Amino acid sequence: MNFSTFFQQYGLIILLVILLLFMFWSSRRRMAKQKLEQEAKARQTVPGAEVLMQGGLYGTIVAYDPDNLDQPALVEIAPGVQIKVHSQAILRVVANENVTEDEFIEAEVDQAEYQADVASGWERSVSDDAQRAAERAEKAPHIETAEETAKRLQDETDGKKDKPEA
């Protein structure tokens, strides 16, 4: 039996087996890589770590329980603004530095320090943000409601009907 007849009889089967082996090897390799990435993310997801969430928001983890993933993580997205998110909503840890829980506790600012920072202008408080938003709303141009727009358009068409065409 020569090579050409062997290849005609068994060539397709051999190619199929090689393709299946490659797909199996590639799949296992990708799964192992994903598992390593998940383990690295789990190690870095500690309170104090800066994270990127699925929706594109950046924040700092305030509370996270790696043992109970059904419990939501508490993420601070702005000074004094904390949101609860599902642990799977955390896409990745942004900061490369690993923050230990002890460092996070030491970095916590007490209320007196926070108020002093707000008074000195180093930080803005949530009430300052609300005041700025109210000022911007007063300066913003008036936006017509649907009823006002309908009335204006009706008045414009009535005005055109009264004028003689030239």
C-alpha atoms as a PDB file:
ATOM      1  CA  MET A   1       0.000   0.000   0.000  1.00  0.00           C
ATOM      2  CA  ASN A   2       1.518   3.303  -1.012  1.00  0.00           C
ATOM      3  CA  PHE A   3       1.158   6.701   0.639  1.00  0.00           C
ATOM      4  CA  SER A   4      -1.438   8.138  -1.760  1.00  0.00           C
ATOM      5  CA  THR A   5      -3.889   5.277  -1.301  1.00  0.00           C
ATOM      6  CA  PHE A   6      -3.345   5.341   2.487  1.00  0.00           C
ATOM      7  CA  PHE A   7      -3.995   9.101   2.548  1.00  0.00           C
ATOM      8  CA  GLN A   8      -7.105   8.710   0.384  1.00  0.00           C
ATOM      9  CA  GLN A   9      -8.519   6.103   2.738  1.00  0.00           C
ATOM     10  CA  TYR A  10      -7.470   7.500   6.129  1.00  0.00           C
ATOM     11  CA  GLY A  11      -6.381  11.091   5.446  1.00  0.00           C
ATOM     12  CA  LEU A  12      -9.668  12.728   6.367  1.00  0.00           C
ATOM     13  CA  ILE A  13      -9.889  10.748   9.606  1.00  0.00           C
ATOM     14  CA  ILE A  14      -6.314  11.669  10.538  1.00  0.00           C
ATOM     15  CA  LEU A  15      -6.955  15.366   9.839  1.00  0.00           C
ATOM     16  CA  LEU A  16     -10.146  15.216  11.894  1.00  0.00           C
ATOM     17  CA  VAL A  17      -8.311  13.616  14.840  1.00  0.00           C
ATOM     18  CA  ILE A  18      -5.526  16.227  14.629  1.00  0.00           C
ATOM     19  CA  LEU A  19      -8.102  19.036  14.523  1.00  0.00           C
ATOM     20  CA  LEU A  20      -9.982  17.624  17.522  1.00  0.00           C
ATOM     21  CA  LEU A  21      -6.749  17.258  19.507  1.00  0.00           C
ATOM     22  CA  PHE A  22      -5.808  20.865  18.703  1.00  0.00           C
ATOM     23  CA  MET A  23      -9.263  22.103  19.744  1.00  0.00           C
ATOM     24  CA  PHE A  24      -9.083  20.135  22.993  1.00  0.00           C
ATOM     25  CA  TRP A  25      -5.575  21.427  23.779  1.00  0.00           C
ATOM     26  CA  SER A  26      -6.530  25.020  22.924  1.00  0.00           C
ATOM     27  CA  SER A  27      -9.674  24.872  25.046  1.00  0.00           C
ATOM     28  CA  ARG A  28      -7.827  23.473  28.076  1.00  0.00           C
ATOM     29  CA  ARG A  29      -5.126  26.103  27.750  1.00  0.00           C
ATOM     30  CA  ARG A  30      -7.695  28.931  27.583  1.00  0.00           C
ATOM     31  CA  MET A  31      -9.596  27.563  30.591  1.00  0.00           C
ATOM     32  CA  ALA A  32      -6.391  27.311  32.639  1.00  0.00           C
ATOM     33  CA  LYS A  33      -5.494  30.889  31.728  1.00  0.00           C
ATOM     34  CA  GLN A  34      -8.955  32.142  32.739  1.00  0.00           C
ATOM     35  CA  LYS A  35      -8.724  30.261  36.025  1.00  0.00           C
ATOM     36  CA  LEU A  36      -5.378  31.899  36.815  1.00  0.00           C
ATOM     37  CA  GLU A  37      -6.838  35.337  36.004  1.00  0.00           C
ATOM     38  CA  GLN A  38      -9.845  34.681  38.266  1.00  0.00           C
ATOM     39  CA  GLU A  39      -7.587  33.584  41.122  1.00  0.00           C
ATOM     40  CA  ALA A  40      -5.424  36.691  40.705  1.00  0.00           C
ATOM     41  CA  LYS A  41      -8.536  38.893  40.683  1.00  0.00           C
ATOM     42  CA  ALA A  42      -9.831  37.171  43.834  1.00  0.00           C
ATOM     43  CA  ARG A  43      -6.516  37.784  45.632  1.00  0.00           C
ATOM     44  CA  GLN A  44      -6.472  41.476  44.648  1.00  0.00           C
ATOM     45  CA  THR A  45     -10.142  42.145  45.424  1.00  0.00           C
ATOM     46  CA  VAL A  46      -9.771  43.460  48.961  1.00  0.00           C
ATOM     47  CA  PRO A  47     -11.131  46.572  50.652  1.00  0.00           C
ATOM     48  CA  GLY A  48      -9.157  49.605  49.491  1.00  0.00           C
ATOM     49  CA  ALA A  49      -8.424  48.300  45.996  1.00  0.00           C
ATOM     50  CA  GLU A  50      -9.467  50.454  43.045  1.00  0.00           C
ATOM     51  CA  VAL A  51     -11.675  48.525  40.624  1.00  0.00           C
ATOM     52  CA  LEU A  52     -13.334  48.883  37.233  1.00  0.00           C
ATOM     53  CA  MET A  53     -16.905  47.632  37.149  1.00  0.00           C
ATOM     54  CA  GLN A  54     -18.840  46.136  34.230  1.00  0.00           C
ATOM     55  CA  GLY A  55     -20.727  49.391  33.601  1.00  0.00           C
ATOM     56  CA  GLY A  56     -17.527  51.387  33.212  1.00  0.00           C
ATOM     57  CA  LEU A  57     -17.568  52.951  36.688  1.00  0.00           C
ATOM     58  CA  TYR A  58     -14.358  53.187  38.675  1.00  0.00           C
ATOM     59  CA  GLY A  59     -14.486  52.892  42.424  1.00  0.00           C
ATOM     60  CA  THR A  60     -12.777  51.753  45.589  1.00  0.00           C
ATOM     61  CA  ILE A  61     -13.914  48.625  47.403  1.00  0.00           C
ATOM     62  CA  VAL A  62     -15.156  49.410  50.898  1.00  0.00           C
ATOM     63  CA  ALA A  63     -16.554  46.004  51.877  1.00  0.00           C
ATOM     64  CA  TYR A  64     -16.203  42.656  50.135  1.00  0.00           C
ATOM     65  CA  ASP A  65     -16.685  39.092  51.350  1.00  0.00           C
ATOM     66  CA  PRO A  66     -14.749  36.640  49.148  1.00  0.00           C
ATOM     67  CA  ASP A  67     -16.278  33.671  51.001  1.00  0.00           C
ATOM     68  CA  ASN A  68     -19.894  34.685  50.278  1.00  0.00           C
ATOM     69  CA  LEU A  69     -20.102  35.885  46.669  1.00  0.00           C
ATOM     70  CA  ASP A  70     -23.903  36.259  46.886  1.00  0.00           C
ATOM     71  CA  GLN A  71     -23.426  39.122  49.335  1.00  0.00           C
ATOM     72  CA  PRO A  72     -23.011  42.412  47.429  1.00  0.00           C
ATOM     73  CA  ALA A  73     -19.743  44.303  47.532  1.00  0.00           C
ATOM     74  CA  LEU A  74     -19.816  47.898  48.763  1.00  0.00           C
ATOM     75  CA  VAL A  75     -17.946  50.197  46.355  1.00  0.00           C
ATOM     76  CA  GLU A  76     -17.256  53.907  46.852  1.00  0.00           C
ATOM     77  CA  ILE A  77     -17.516  55.716  43.502  1.00  0.00           C
ATOM     78  CA  ALA A  78     -17.114  59.263  44.893  1.00  0.00           C
ATOM     79  CA  PRO A  79     -16.302  60.649  48.343  1.00  0.00           C
ATOM     80  CA  GLY A  80     -19.268  59.703  50.504  1.00  0.00           C
ATOM     81  CA  VAL A  81     -21.116  57.900  47.679  1.00  0.00           C
ATOM     82  CA  GLN A  82     -21.221  54.136  48.143  1.00  0.00           C
ATOM     83  CA  ILE A  83     -23.106  51.639  46.006  1.00  0.00           C
ATOM     84  CA  LYS A  84     -23.837  47.947  46.410  1.00  0.00           C
ATOM     85  CA  VAL A  85     -22.819  45.807  43.445  1.00  0.00           C
ATOM     86  CA  HIS A  86     -22.807  42.087  42.786  1.00  0.00           C
ATOM     87  CA  SER A  87     -19.325  40.638  43.105  1.00  0.00           C
ATOM     88  CA  GLN A  88     -19.415  39.596  39.440  1.00  0.00           C
ATOM     89  CA  ALA A  89     -19.971  43.245  38.438  1.00  0.00           C
ATOM     90  CA  ILE A  90     -16.328  43.898  39.334  1.00  0.00           C
ATOM     91  CA  LEU A  91     -14.528  43.546  36.016  1.00  0.00           C
ATOM     92  CA  ARG A  92     -10.945  43.909  37.200  1.00  0.00           C
ATOM     93  CA  VAL A  93      -8.709  45.499  39.793  1.00  0.00           C
ATOM     94  CA  VAL A  94      -7.208  48.694  38.363  1.00  0.00           C
ATOM     95  CA  ALA A  95      -4.447  49.547  40.804  1.00  0.00           C
ATOM     96  CA  ASN A  96      -1.448  47.250  40.649  1.00  0.00           C
ATOM     97  CA  GLU A  97      -0.649  47.753  44.279  1.00  0.00           C
ATOM     98  CA  ASN A  98      -2.006  45.123  46.618  1.00  0.00           C
ATOM     99  CA  VAL A  99      -3.718  46.699  49.603  1.00  0.00           C
ATOM    100  CA  THR A 100      -3.934  44.610  52.735  1.00  0.00           C
ATOM    101  CA  GLU A 101      -6.885  44.896  55.066  1.00  0.00           C
ATOM    102  CA  ASP A 102      -4.662  46.430  57.771  1.00  0.00           C
ATOM    103  CA  GLU A 103      -3.514  49.160  55.366  1.00  0.00           C
ATOM    104  CA  PHE A 104      -7.126  49.844  54.457  1.00  0.00           C
ATOM    105  CA  ILE A 105      -8.124  50.229  58.109  1.00  0.00           C
ATOM    106  CA  GLU A 106      -5.171  52.564  58.732  1.00  0.00           C
ATOM    107  CA  ALA A 107      -6.112  54.650  55.690  1.00  0.00           C
ATOM    108  CA  GLU A 108      -9.685  55.195  56.842  1.00  0.00           C
ATOM    109  CA  VAL A 109     -10.397  58.847  57.539  1.00  0.00           C
ATOM    110  CA  ASP A 110     -12.392  59.722  60.618  1.00  0.00           C
ATOM    111  CA  GLN A 111     -15.231  62.267  60.518  1.00  0.00           C
ATOM    112  CA  ALA A 112     -13.170  65.138  61.988  1.00  0.00           C
ATOM    113  CA  GLU A 113     -10.423  64.727  59.368  1.00  0.00           C
ATOM    114  CA  TYR A 114     -13.013  64.590  56.600  1.00  0.00           C
ATOM    115  CA  GLN A 115     -14.736  67.767  57.801  1.00  0.00           C
ATOM    116  CA  ALA A 116     -11.366  69.534  58.060  1.00  0.00           C
ATOM    117  CA  ASP A 117     -10.492  68.495  54.499  1.00  0.00           C
ATOM    118  CA  VAL A 118     -13.849  69.771  53.236  1.00  0.00           C
ATOM    119  CA  ALA A 119     -13.407  73.066  55.102  1.00  0.00           C
ATOM    120  CA  SER A 120      -9.899  73.540  53.691  1.00  0.00           C
ATOM    121  CA  GLY A 121     -11.075  72.758  50.154  1.00  0.00           C
ATOM    122  CA  TRP A 122      -9.091  69.522  49.756  1.00  0.00           C
ATOM    123  CA  GLU A 123     -12.280  67.513  49.354  1.00  0.00           C
ATOM    124  CA  ARG A 124     -15.788  68.346  48.277  1.00  0.00           C
ATOM    125  CA  SER A 125     -18.679  67.121  50.325  1.00  0.00           C
ATOM    126  CA  VAL A 126     -21.872  65.633  48.981  1.00  0.00           C
ATOM    127  CA  SER A 127     -23.836  68.692  50.154  1.00  0.00           C
ATOM    128  CA  ASP A 128     -21.458  70.929  48.141  1.00  0.00           C
ATOM    129  CA  ASP A 129     -22.189  68.823  45.070  1.00  0.00           C
ATOM    130  CA  ALA A 130     -25.938  69.162  45.669  1.00  0.00           C
ATOM    131  CA  GLN A 131     -25.586  72.943  46.028  1.00  0.00           C
ATOM    132  CA  ARG A 132     -23.610  73.189  42.767  1.00  0.00           C
ATOM    133  CA  ALA A 133     -26.221  71.074  40.981  1.00  0.00           C
ATOM    134  CA  ALA A 134     -29.019  73.371  42.208  1.00  0.00           C
ATOM    135  CA  GLU A 135     -27.095  76.448  41.010  1.00  0.00           C
ATOM    136  CA  ARG A 136     -26.579  74.867  37.581  1.00  0.00           C
ATOM    137  CA  ALA A 137     -30.276  74.008  37.363  1.00  0.00           C
ATOM    138  CA  GLU A 138     -31.199  77.653  38.006  1.00  0.00           C
ATOM    139  CA  LYS A 139     -28.824  78.838  35.256  1.00  0.00           C
ATOM    140  CA  ALA A 140     -29.910  76.177  32.764  1.00  0.00           C
ATOM    141  CA  PRO A 141     -32.161  77.263  29.900  1.00  0.00           C
ATOM    142  CA  HIS A 142     -35.863  76.498  30.176  1.00  0.00           C
ATOM    143  CA  ILE A 143     -36.799  73.207  28.552  1.00  0.00           C
ATOM    144  CA  GLU A 144     -40.275  73.116  27.050  1.00  0.00           C
ATOM    145  CA  THR A 145     -42.707  70.486  28.160  1.00  0.00           C
ATOM    146  CA  ALA A 146     -44.639  68.529  25.544  1.00  0.00           C
ATOM    147  CA  GLU A 147     -47.733  70.677  26.169  1.00  0.00           C
ATOM    148  CA  GLU A 148     -45.753  73.921  25.782  1.00  0.00           C
ATOM    149  CA  THR A 149     -44.228  72.688  22.517  1.00  0.00           C
ATOM    150  CA  ALA A 150     -47.639  71.674  21.135  1.00  0.00           C
ATOM    151  CA  LYS A 151     -49.106  75.088  22.083  1.00  0.00           C
ATOM    152  CA  ARG A 152     -46.165  76.958  20.505  1.00  0.00           C
ATOM    153  CA  LEU A 153     -46.424  74.973  17.282  1.00  0.00           C
ATOM    154  CA  GLN A 154     -50.183  75.510  17.166  1.00  0.00           C
ATOM    155  CA  ASP A 155     -49.702  79.260  17.665  1.00  0.00           C
ATOM    156  CA  GLU A 156     -47.076  79.315  14.890  1.00  0.00           C
ATOM    157  CA  THR A 157     -49.355  77.520  12.423  1.00  0.00           C
ATOM    158  CA  ASP A 158     -52.304  79.756  13.373  1.00  0.00           C
ATOM    159  CA  GLY A 159     -50.105  82.818  12.783  1.00  0.00           C
ATOM    160  CA  LYS A 160     -49.112  81.570   9.306  1.00  0.00           C
ATOM    161  CA  LYS A 161     -52.752  80.994   8.338  1.00  0.00           C
ATOM    162  CA  ASP A 162     -53.671  84.584   9.243  1.00  0.00           C
ATOM    163  CA  LYS A 163     -50.922  86.110   7.057  1.00  0.00           C
ATOM    164  CA  PRO A 164     -51.690  86.468   3.354  1.00  0.00           C
ATOM    165  CA  GLU A 165     -49.263  84.678   1.044  1.00  0.00           C
ATOM    166  CA  ALA A 166     -47.173  86.906  -1.201  1.00  0.00           C
END
